[in-house]
Amino acid sequence: MLDFNNLYAFTIFVQNKMPMKKHTLIVSAAVLTALIASQACNQSAEKENAAETEASFTAEDSTLWKTASNIFKPLPPIEVNLESPLFKLGEKLYHETALSANNQMSCNTCHQVANYGVDNEPTSPSFDKKARGERNSPSSYNASLHIAQFWDGRAADLVEQAKGPILNPVEMGLKNEKEAVAKIKAIPEYKELFEAAFPGEKDPITYHNIALAISEYEKSLMTPSPFDEYLKGNYAALDAKQREGLKTFIETGCITCHTGVNLGGHMYQKFGLVKGPYWEYTGSERQDVGRYAVTKNEADMYVFKVPSLRNVEKTWPYFHDGSVADLSKAVRIMATTQLGRDLSNEQTDAIVAFLRSLTGEIPKHIASN
């Protein structure tokens, strides 16, 4: 599109710099007339294109959007103050390798913020590389919106969750809270950072405050996606294939568990609800009892927290043990084990297309680092 304002200014400049002769004024007037006509044509074309786009959506599209809006919700805005001392402390601690036994591992090792909060490993290696965790490391993005933390929900919130891996012998491997605090106190710059983040506290470098600061940073890990724009009323944020996939996702029954702002993360469900045991479908090497290990309630046998589907395209491999790397295969397994349905290739492809609309943007305060 021609920039009317800039060219108009250039015409005035020419008039002011050149002698005021009759032919100069005629040329300037002609240029200005042409610019006005061009601008009018461009504006008319834009209106026609907008009308065509709007007209391309049917009553079925409108019905689908209304249905989806009742089932899902867009991400809320980030409410964390990115300039606060607490956030800045948490950001540093999230990447702090001193919180591991080998001084090489941090929260970011397994939950890489530049990689959608995951390491794309089935399960993550321990600090000494001699063992692996028993479960897949879930994404730290949008985790603040979950009902609880970890696959079995054993941590009530992000603060409690942050305290776990640092002391886990097959993760970061520190012996106890006292050792973690001592290692942070040994780094001089943390004294001022903790005092600023926890003003008025006599001895602010505590294990709880370490976890509290990390959780503040994690609250900023939000990834708004095209689907959020769609939910806000922009039908065109999803292409025709993705809208078809959304419709299939709803009609197939995936919304039995994957609803709300995170399309999951808000409830627990048995893996192998309709057809099981789950490991016959996933090829899992280990039979994980799930939430039963926490509650000792028989009803929680093979029950896990329903994972969020946000950024699922990027957070492979899938399930609690990372046993399946292919998204299409994971979708088919879910349909079979949880709903007792066998999806066609077309249905699977459509659902996968929709799931890709859940891939969000890495926040600018992360991407710029």
Protein backbone atom coordinates (compact mmCIF):
# COMPACT_ATOMS: atom_id res chain seq x y z
CA MET A 1 0.00 0.00 0.00
CA LEU A 2 1.22 3.51 -0.79
CA ASP A 3 1.97 5.61 2.26
CA PHE A 4 -0.17 8.66 1.63
CA ASN A 5 1.16 10.71 4.53
CA ASN A 6 4.82 10.27 3.61
CA LEU A 7 4.32 10.99 -0.09
CA TYR A 8 2.16 13.99 0.66
CA ALA A 9 4.91 15.35 2.89
CA PHE A 10 7.42 14.73 0.10
CA THR A 11 5.26 16.69 -2.34
CA ILE A 12 5.14 19.65 0.03
CA PHE A 13 8.93 19.38 0.45
CA VAL A 14 9.39 19.51 -3.33
CA GLN A 15 7.16 22.55 -3.57
CA ASN A 16 9.07 24.38 -0.83
CA LYS A 17 12.51 23.61 -2.26
CA MET A 18 11.85 24.25 -5.95
CA PRO A 19 11.10 27.58 -7.60
CA MET A 20 7.41 28.31 -7.65
CA LYS A 21 6.88 27.78 -11.37
CA LYS A 22 3.62 26.91 -12.95
CA HIS A 23 4.70 23.47 -14.24
CA THR A 24 5.99 22.49 -10.78
CA LEU A 25 2.63 23.22 -9.19
CA ILE A 26 0.85 21.28 -11.91
CA VAL A 27 3.09 18.25 -11.37
CA SER A 28 2.64 18.44 -7.59
CA ALA A 29 -1.10 18.68 -7.93
CA ALA A 30 -1.15 15.71 -10.28
CA VAL A 31 0.94 13.63 -7.89
CA LEU A 32 -1.32 14.55 -5.02
CA THR A 33 -4.43 13.70 -7.00
CA ALA A 34 -2.98 10.32 -7.95
CA LEU A 35 -2.11 9.61 -4.32
CA ILE A 36 -5.62 10.40 -3.15
CA ALA A 37 -7.10 8.14 -5.81
CA SER A 38 -4.70 5.31 -4.93
CA GLN A 39 -5.49 5.60 -1.24
CA ALA A 40 -9.20 5.45 -1.94
CA CYS A 41 -8.76 2.33 -4.09
CA ASN A 42 -6.73 0.60 -1.41
CA GLN A 43 -9.28 1.39 1.29
CA SER A 44 -12.07 0.11 -0.95
CA ALA A 45 -10.15 -3.12 -1.62
CA GLU A 46 -9.56 -3.61 2.10
CA LYS A 47 -13.26 -3.24 2.82
CA GLU A 48 -14.12 -5.73 0.07
CA ASN A 49 -11.59 -8.27 1.38
CA ALA A 50 -12.89 -7.89 4.94
CA ALA A 51 -16.45 -8.36 3.72
CA GLU A 52 -15.45 -11.48 1.78
CA THR A 53 -13.65 -12.94 4.81
CA GLU A 54 -16.61 -12.22 7.04
CA ALA A 55 -19.02 -13.70 4.54
CA SER A 56 -16.98 -16.90 4.27
CA PHE A 57 -18.01 -17.94 7.79
CA THR A 58 -21.25 -19.85 8.02
CA ALA A 59 -23.92 -20.30 10.63
CA GLU A 60 -22.18 -23.60 11.44
CA ASP A 61 -18.99 -21.66 12.23
CA SER A 62 -20.93 -19.42 14.56
CA THR A 63 -22.52 -22.38 16.31
CA LEU A 64 -19.15 -24.06 16.72
CA TRP A 65 -17.65 -20.93 18.24
CA LYS A 66 -20.54 -20.57 20.70
CA THR A 67 -20.18 -24.21 21.72
CA ALA A 68 -16.41 -23.90 22.13
CA SER A 69 -16.78 -20.71 24.16
CA ASN A 70 -18.90 -22.59 26.68
CA ILE A 71 -16.37 -25.41 26.99
CA PHE A 72 -13.03 -23.60 26.88
CA LYS A 73 -11.72 -20.26 28.13
CA PRO A 74 -8.85 -18.10 26.88
CA LEU A 75 -5.71 -17.69 28.95
CA PRO A 76 -5.86 -14.88 31.49
CA PRO A 77 -3.28 -12.10 31.21
CA ILE A 78 0.01 -12.44 33.07
CA GLU A 79 -0.50 -10.79 36.45
CA VAL A 80 3.10 -11.03 37.62
CA ASN A 81 5.11 -7.81 37.89
CA LEU A 82 8.10 -8.57 35.69
CA GLU A 83 10.07 -5.76 37.29
CA SER A 84 9.50 -6.83 40.88
CA PRO A 85 12.44 -8.03 43.01
CA LEU A 86 10.57 -11.28 43.73
CA PHE A 87 10.17 -12.08 40.03
CA LYS A 88 13.79 -11.26 39.22
CA LEU A 89 14.97 -13.43 42.10
CA GLY A 90 12.76 -16.30 40.94
CA GLU A 91 14.04 -15.99 37.39
CA LYS A 92 17.62 -16.32 38.61
CA LEU A 93 16.84 -19.22 40.93
CA TYR A 94 14.98 -21.11 38.18
CA HIS A 95 18.26 -21.16 36.26
CA GLU A 96 20.52 -21.63 39.30
CA THR A 97 22.75 -24.70 38.95
CA ALA A 98 24.00 -24.37 42.54
CA LEU A 99 20.71 -25.94 43.58
CA SER A 100 21.96 -29.32 42.38
CA ALA A 101 24.48 -31.80 43.73
CA ASN A 102 26.76 -31.50 40.69
CA ASN A 103 26.34 -27.72 40.27
CA GLN A 104 25.25 -28.29 36.68
CA MET A 105 21.52 -28.82 36.92
CA SER A 106 18.71 -26.30 37.40
CA CYS A 107 14.94 -26.24 37.05
CA ASN A 108 15.55 -25.19 33.46
CA THR A 109 17.48 -28.39 32.71
CA CYS A 110 14.29 -30.46 32.54
CA HIS A 111 11.79 -27.61 32.12
CA GLN A 112 13.47 -25.53 29.43
CA VAL A 113 11.66 -22.22 29.08
CA ALA A 114 13.03 -21.68 25.57
CA ASN A 115 11.60 -25.09 24.58
CA TYR A 116 8.03 -24.84 25.85
CA GLY A 117 9.04 -25.91 29.35
CA VAL A 118 10.19 -29.45 28.53
CA ASP A 119 13.33 -31.41 27.61
CA ASN A 120 11.58 -33.74 25.10
CA GLU A 121 12.93 -36.79 26.97
CA PRO A 122 10.67 -39.71 27.93
CA THR A 123 11.96 -39.29 31.49
CA SER A 124 14.74 -36.98 32.66
CA PRO A 125 18.20 -38.10 33.81
CA SER A 126 19.39 -37.53 37.38
CA PHE A 127 22.18 -35.12 38.29
CA ASP A 128 24.77 -37.95 38.19
CA LYS A 129 23.37 -39.55 35.01
CA LYS A 130 23.10 -42.88 36.89
CA ALA A 131 19.32 -42.97 37.01
CA ARG A 132 16.20 -41.50 35.45
CA GLY A 133 12.98 -40.22 36.89
CA GLU A 134 10.02 -42.56 36.67
CA ARG A 135 7.73 -40.03 34.99
CA ASN A 136 7.89 -37.59 32.12
CA SER A 137 8.80 -34.03 33.09
CA PRO A 138 5.66 -31.95 32.37
CA SER A 139 5.81 -28.45 30.95
CA SER A 140 6.25 -25.56 33.36
CA TYR A 141 4.21 -23.35 31.01
CA ASN A 142 0.68 -22.51 32.15
CA ALA A 143 1.30 -24.77 35.17
CA SER A 144 0.02 -22.16 37.59
CA LEU A 145 -3.50 -22.88 36.30
CA HIS A 146 -3.43 -26.57 37.24
CA ILE A 147 -5.49 -28.04 40.08
CA ALA A 148 -2.28 -29.47 41.59
CA GLN A 149 1.29 -30.28 40.55
CA PHE A 150 3.01 -33.51 39.41
CA TRP A 151 1.28 -36.32 37.54
CA ASP A 152 -0.13 -37.69 40.80
CA GLY A 153 -1.11 -34.31 42.25
CA ARG A 154 1.07 -34.72 45.34
CA ALA A 155 1.97 -31.01 45.46
CA ALA A 156 -0.88 -28.60 46.10
CA ASP A 157 0.68 -25.64 44.28
CA LEU A 158 3.79 -24.30 42.54
CA VAL A 159 5.52 -23.42 45.82
CA GLU A 160 5.22 -26.97 47.11
CA GLN A 161 6.20 -28.36 43.72
CA ALA A 162 9.38 -26.25 43.55
CA LYS A 163 10.60 -27.81 46.80
CA GLY A 164 10.50 -31.35 45.43
CA PRO A 165 13.04 -31.76 42.59
CA ILE A 166 15.89 -29.98 44.41
CA LEU A 167 15.92 -32.67 47.13
CA ASN A 168 14.97 -35.62 44.92
CA PRO A 169 17.89 -38.10 44.71
CA VAL A 170 17.13 -38.93 41.07
CA GLU A 171 16.70 -35.31 40.06
CA MET A 172 18.83 -32.45 41.47
CA GLY A 173 20.10 -34.50 44.38
CA LEU A 174 20.69 -32.14 47.32
CA LYS A 175 20.56 -33.89 50.70
CA ASN A 176 18.23 -31.53 52.56
CA GLU A 177 16.85 -28.00 52.80
CA LYS A 178 19.78 -26.87 54.93
CA GLU A 179 22.24 -27.76 52.19
CA ALA A 180 20.20 -25.88 49.58
CA VAL A 181 20.07 -22.75 51.74
CA ALA A 182 23.79 -22.94 52.50
CA LYS A 183 24.67 -23.16 48.81
CA ILE A 184 22.59 -20.10 47.99
CA LYS A 185 24.00 -18.14 50.93
CA ALA A 186 27.50 -18.90 49.65
CA ILE A 187 26.78 -16.84 46.53
CA PRO A 188 27.26 -13.17 47.61
CA GLU A 189 24.86 -11.54 45.15
CA TYR A 190 21.87 -13.45 46.57
CA LYS A 191 22.03 -11.55 49.87
CA GLU A 192 20.86 -8.31 48.26
CA LEU A 193 18.39 -10.06 45.96
CA PHE A 194 16.61 -11.84 48.82
CA GLU A 195 16.55 -8.71 50.97
CA ALA A 196 14.88 -6.82 48.14
CA ALA A 197 12.38 -9.61 47.45
CA PHE A 198 11.50 -10.19 51.12
CA PRO A 199 11.90 -6.80 52.79
CA GLY A 200 11.74 -6.75 56.57
CA GLU A 201 12.66 -10.40 57.05
CA LYS A 202 15.63 -10.87 59.35
CA ASP A 203 16.98 -13.90 57.49
CA PRO A 204 15.18 -14.02 54.11
CA ILE A 205 17.26 -16.80 52.53
CA THR A 206 15.11 -19.77 53.50
CA TYR A 207 14.10 -22.87 51.58
CA HIS A 208 10.48 -21.76 51.52
CA ASN A 209 11.44 -18.37 50.09
CA ILE A 210 13.56 -20.06 47.43
CA ALA A 211 10.49 -22.04 46.32
CA LEU A 212 8.22 -19.01 46.63
CA ALA A 213 10.44 -16.96 44.33
CA ILE A 214 10.68 -19.75 41.76
CA SER A 215 6.89 -20.07 41.75
CA GLU A 216 6.54 -16.32 41.13
CA TYR A 217 8.69 -16.69 38.02
CA GLU A 218 6.70 -19.71 36.85
CA LYS A 219 3.46 -17.74 37.08
CA SER A 220 4.77 -15.63 34.20
CA LEU A 221 5.10 -18.67 31.93
CA MET A 222 1.96 -18.24 29.83
CA THR A 223 1.63 -18.99 26.12
CA PRO A 224 -1.37 -17.35 24.43
CA SER A 225 -2.15 -19.17 21.20
CA PRO A 226 -4.28 -18.79 18.05
CA PHE A 227 -7.00 -20.73 19.85
CA ASP A 228 -7.20 -17.97 22.46
CA GLU A 229 -7.79 -15.45 19.68
CA TYR A 230 -10.48 -17.71 18.28
CA LEU A 231 -12.21 -17.91 21.65
CA LYS A 232 -12.18 -14.12 21.81
CA GLY A 233 -14.24 -14.00 18.61
CA ASN A 234 -11.71 -14.07 15.79
CA TYR A 235 -12.96 -17.02 13.74
CA ALA A 236 -10.11 -16.63 11.25
CA ALA A 237 -7.51 -17.38 13.95
CA LEU A 238 -8.18 -21.05 13.15
CA ASP A 239 -8.10 -22.25 9.56
CA ALA A 240 -10.82 -24.48 8.11
CA LYS A 241 -8.95 -27.69 8.96
CA GLN A 242 -8.40 -26.59 12.56
CA ARG A 243 -12.06 -25.65 12.96
CA GLU A 244 -12.99 -29.07 11.60
CA GLY A 245 -10.62 -30.59 14.14
CA LEU A 246 -12.16 -28.58 16.96
CA LYS A 247 -15.59 -29.88 15.95
CA THR A 248 -14.27 -33.45 15.84
CA PHE A 249 -12.51 -32.98 19.19
CA ILE A 250 -15.81 -31.97 20.77
CA GLU A 251 -18.00 -34.55 19.05
CA THR A 252 -15.60 -37.43 19.72
CA GLY A 253 -15.83 -36.75 23.45
CA CYS A 254 -12.31 -35.48 24.15
CA ILE A 255 -13.98 -32.75 26.18
CA THR A 256 -14.87 -35.34 28.81
CA CYS A 257 -11.50 -34.43 30.35
CA HIS A 258 -9.86 -31.72 28.24
CA THR A 259 -11.84 -28.56 28.92
CA GLY A 260 -11.40 -25.17 30.56
CA VAL A 261 -8.62 -22.65 30.18
CA ASN A 262 -5.85 -25.27 29.98
CA LEU A 263 -7.78 -27.98 28.11
CA GLY A 264 -6.87 -30.22 31.03
CA GLY A 265 -4.92 -29.92 34.25
CA HIS A 266 -8.08 -29.43 36.30
CA MET A 267 -9.07 -33.00 37.18
CA TYR A 268 -7.87 -36.59 37.64
CA GLN A 269 -8.80 -39.55 35.46
CA LYS A 270 -7.98 -43.24 35.16
CA PHE A 271 -5.71 -44.11 32.25
CA GLY A 272 -7.54 -46.98 30.59
CA LEU A 273 -10.97 -45.79 31.65
CA VAL A 274 -12.85 -47.74 28.98
CA LYS A 275 -10.21 -50.06 27.54
CA GLY A 276 -7.17 -51.20 29.47
CA PRO A 277 -4.77 -51.83 30.88
CA TYR A 278 -3.18 -48.72 29.40
CA TRP A 279 0.28 -50.28 28.93
CA GLU A 280 -1.08 -52.69 26.34
CA TYR A 281 -1.75 -49.65 24.15
CA THR A 282 1.22 -47.45 25.02
CA GLY A 283 3.87 -50.15 25.22
CA SER A 284 4.92 -48.80 28.62
CA GLU A 285 7.74 -50.77 30.25
CA ARG A 286 6.56 -49.95 33.76
CA GLN A 287 3.07 -50.30 35.20
CA ASP A 288 2.67 -47.04 37.12
CA VAL A 289 -0.10 -47.10 39.74
CA GLY A 290 -0.50 -43.32 39.49
CA ARG A 291 -2.29 -41.38 42.20
CA TYR A 292 -2.76 -44.55 44.26
CA ALA A 293 0.85 -44.16 45.42
CA VAL A 294 -0.19 -40.91 47.13
CA THR A 295 -3.66 -41.72 48.46
CA LYS A 296 -3.53 -45.52 48.90
CA ASN A 297 -7.15 -45.47 47.75
CA GLU A 298 -8.02 -48.35 45.39
CA ALA A 299 -10.20 -45.99 43.40
CA ASP A 300 -7.05 -44.04 42.47
CA MET A 301 -5.28 -47.02 40.90
CA TYR A 302 -3.87 -45.93 37.49
CA VAL A 303 -5.35 -42.47 37.97
CA PHE A 304 -3.31 -39.45 36.85
CA LYS A 305 -3.84 -35.73 36.59
CA VAL A 306 -5.25 -34.96 33.15
CA PRO A 307 -2.49 -33.11 31.30
CA SER A 308 -3.01 -29.74 29.69
CA LEU A 309 -3.06 -29.85 25.90
CA ARG A 310 -1.56 -26.39 25.48
CA ASN A 311 1.60 -26.59 23.36
CA VAL A 312 1.07 -30.36 23.03
CA GLU A 313 2.59 -30.24 19.55
CA LYS A 314 5.89 -29.18 21.15
CA THR A 315 5.89 -31.18 24.37
CA TRP A 316 6.42 -34.73 23.13
CA PRO A 317 6.85 -37.52 24.12
CA TYR A 318 3.42 -38.10 25.63
CA PHE A 319 1.74 -39.62 28.68
CA HIS A 320 3.09 -39.89 32.21
CA ASP A 321 6.01 -42.05 31.10
CA GLY A 322 6.80 -40.46 27.76
CA SER A 323 6.05 -43.79 26.10
CA VAL A 324 4.65 -42.38 22.84
CA ALA A 325 6.46 -39.79 20.72
CA ASP A 326 3.98 -39.35 17.85
CA LEU A 327 1.04 -37.01 18.44
CA SER A 328 -1.30 -38.80 16.02
CA LYS A 329 -0.64 -42.10 17.77
CA ALA A 330 -1.23 -40.49 21.16
CA VAL A 331 -4.58 -39.12 19.96
CA ARG A 332 -5.65 -42.56 18.73
CA ILE A 333 -4.61 -44.20 22.02
CA MET A 334 -6.60 -41.65 24.00
CA ALA A 335 -9.69 -42.18 21.87
CA THR A 336 -9.45 -45.95 22.34
CA THR A 337 -8.51 -46.23 26.02
CA GLN A 338 -10.58 -43.35 27.36
CA LEU A 339 -13.58 -43.27 25.04
CA GLY A 340 -13.67 -46.71 23.42
CA ARG A 341 -13.57 -45.16 19.98
CA ASP A 342 -11.48 -45.96 16.91
CA LEU A 343 -10.71 -42.83 14.96
CA SER A 344 -10.37 -42.73 11.19
CA ASN A 345 -7.30 -41.19 9.59
CA GLU A 346 -9.35 -38.13 8.67
CA GLN A 347 -10.63 -37.66 12.23
CA THR A 348 -7.16 -38.08 13.67
CA ASP A 349 -5.61 -35.62 11.21
CA ALA A 350 -8.31 -33.07 11.96
CA ILE A 351 -7.85 -33.33 15.73
CA VAL A 352 -4.08 -32.99 15.37
CA ALA A 353 -4.59 -29.90 13.20
CA PHE A 354 -6.73 -28.40 15.96
CA LEU A 355 -4.17 -29.29 18.63
CA ARG A 356 -1.56 -27.33 16.70
CA SER A 357 -3.66 -24.22 17.19
CA LEU A 358 -2.87 -24.58 20.90
CA THR A 359 0.82 -23.89 20.29
CA GLY A 360 1.42 -20.48 21.81
CA GLU A 361 4.12 -17.86 21.77
CA ILE A 362 7.11 -18.01 24.09
CA PRO A 363 6.72 -14.85 26.24
CA LYS A 364 8.86 -11.90 25.18
CA HIS A 365 10.57 -11.72 28.57
CA ILE A 366 11.73 -15.31 27.98
CA ALA A 367 12.53 -15.11 24.28
CA SER A 368 14.64 -11.97 24.76
CA ASN A 369 16.96 -13.69 27.25
